[in-house]
Each structure stands twice: as structure tokens, then as C-alpha cells.
Amino acid sequence: MIKTDQAAKRYRQSETRRLRNRMSKSTILTAKKRFLAAVKDNNKETAGSEFTDIVKLLDTSVGKGLFHKKTVARKKSRLRKVLNSMNA
């Protein structure tokens, strides 16, 4: 049971932030699935546009503090490898 007004407010704030972060992560995962599906279908144009979309989402997530910048760099690097292997 929350005993103070301050603790109640912190709880409300953390819950709001948790849901916002969860939604953002879900959006990123959905974009990643669309990108991988385009790669699997060997559709270069769609894969390229999906890659730029997911990179934008990841970079935005760093600015909001959702992911660490090196985590995002690693994710982008791995996705870039997949895109480049498709072009080879």
C-alpha cells in the first residue's frame, strides 16, 4: 500500500513511462519484423525503406533514453549486415 502522496505520484509517473516505453519497443520490434520479411522476400526497395524507418526509430529511442547508444549501434550494425548480404 502506498503511504505518501509523493510515493503515489512517483508510482503514477513510473507507470505512465513504463507503458510509453513498452509501446515504443513494440513499434521498433514491428518495424524490425517488416524489414526482415522484406529481406526474406528479396524485395530490395522495400527492405531499404524499412531499414531507414527502423534506423530513425532506433535513433529516436536513444534520444529518449529508451536504449543505450551502443546498444542501438549494435542493432543497426546487425541490420545493415543483413541488408548488405541481400545485395551481395
Protein backbone atom coordinates (compact mmCIF):
# COMPACT_ATOMS: atom_id res chain seq x y z
CA MET A 1 0.00 0.00 0.00
CA ILE A 2 1.34 3.40 -0.95
CA LYS A 3 1.51 5.58 2.15
CA THR A 4 2.50 9.05 0.98
CA ASP A 5 1.26 11.37 -1.73
CA GLN A 6 4.79 11.63 -3.09
CA ALA A 7 5.08 7.85 -3.45
CA ALA A 8 1.68 7.70 -5.14
CA LYS A 9 2.72 10.34 -7.66
CA ARG A 10 6.02 8.55 -8.38
CA TYR A 11 4.07 5.34 -8.93
CA ARG A 12 1.71 7.04 -11.40
CA GLN A 13 4.63 8.60 -13.26
CA SER A 14 6.60 5.37 -13.47
CA GLU A 15 3.54 3.50 -14.72
CA THR A 16 2.97 6.09 -17.46
CA ARG A 17 6.62 5.90 -18.51
CA ARG A 18 6.60 2.10 -18.44
CA LEU A 19 3.64 1.97 -20.81
CA ARG A 20 5.18 4.59 -23.11
CA ASN A 21 8.47 2.67 -23.25
CA ARG A 22 6.64 -0.58 -23.87
CA MET A 23 4.77 0.95 -26.80
CA SER A 24 7.98 2.33 -28.29
CA LYS A 25 9.76 -1.01 -28.02
CA SER A 26 6.80 -2.74 -29.64
CA THR A 27 6.91 -0.28 -32.54
CA ILE A 28 10.60 -0.97 -33.04
CA LEU A 29 10.08 -4.75 -32.99
CA THR A 30 7.25 -4.46 -35.52
CA ALA A 31 9.46 -2.40 -37.84
CA LYS A 32 12.22 -4.99 -37.48
CA LYS A 33 9.81 -7.78 -38.42
CA ARG A 34 8.67 -5.85 -41.50
CA PHE A 35 12.32 -5.31 -42.51
CA LEU A 36 13.21 -8.99 -42.09
CA ALA A 37 10.11 -10.02 -44.02
CA ALA A 38 11.12 -7.75 -46.90
CA VAL A 39 14.62 -9.25 -46.85
CA LYS A 40 13.18 -12.76 -46.85
CA ASP A 41 11.02 -11.88 -49.87
CA ASN A 42 14.17 -10.48 -51.53
CA ASN A 43 12.48 -7.12 -52.12
CA LYS A 44 15.36 -4.61 -52.14
CA GLU A 45 13.31 -1.41 -52.40
CA THR A 46 11.01 -2.28 -49.53
CA ALA A 47 13.89 -3.54 -47.41
CA GLY A 48 15.80 -0.31 -47.98
CA SER A 49 12.87 1.87 -46.97
CA GLU A 50 12.11 -0.32 -43.94
CA PHE A 51 15.77 -0.10 -42.92
CA THR A 52 15.69 3.71 -42.96
CA ASP A 53 12.47 3.64 -40.92
CA ILE A 54 13.90 1.35 -38.26
CA VAL A 55 17.14 3.36 -38.06
CA LYS A 56 15.11 6.51 -37.46
CA LEU A 57 13.09 4.78 -34.74
CA LEU A 58 16.25 3.47 -33.06
CA ASP A 59 17.99 6.84 -33.15
CA THR A 60 14.91 8.48 -31.66
CA SER A 61 14.84 5.88 -28.90
CA VAL A 62 18.41 6.81 -27.92
CA GLY A 63 17.42 10.44 -27.55
CA LYS A 64 14.51 9.48 -25.31
CA GLY A 65 16.68 7.23 -23.15
CA LEU A 66 14.93 4.02 -24.12
CA PHE A 67 18.15 2.29 -25.23
CA HIS A 68 21.84 2.97 -24.70
CA LYS A 69 23.61 4.41 -27.73
CA LYS A 70 25.95 1.44 -28.07
CA THR A 71 23.03 -0.98 -27.96
CA VAL A 72 21.42 0.88 -30.85
CA ALA A 73 24.72 0.98 -32.75
CA ARG A 74 24.97 -2.79 -32.42
CA LYS A 75 21.39 -3.32 -33.57
CA LYS A 76 21.85 -1.01 -36.57
CA SER A 77 25.10 -2.75 -37.50
CA ARG A 78 23.48 -6.17 -37.47
CA LEU A 79 20.55 -4.98 -39.56
CA ARG A 80 22.95 -3.30 -42.01
CA LYS A 81 24.78 -6.64 -42.39
CA VAL A 82 21.52 -8.34 -43.28
CA LEU A 83 20.74 -5.63 -45.84
CA ASN A 84 24.22 -5.82 -47.37
CA SER A 85 24.13 -9.62 -47.58
CA MET A 86 20.94 -9.29 -49.57
CA ASN A 87 22.65 -7.01 -52.10
CA ALA A 88 25.65 -9.31 -52.48
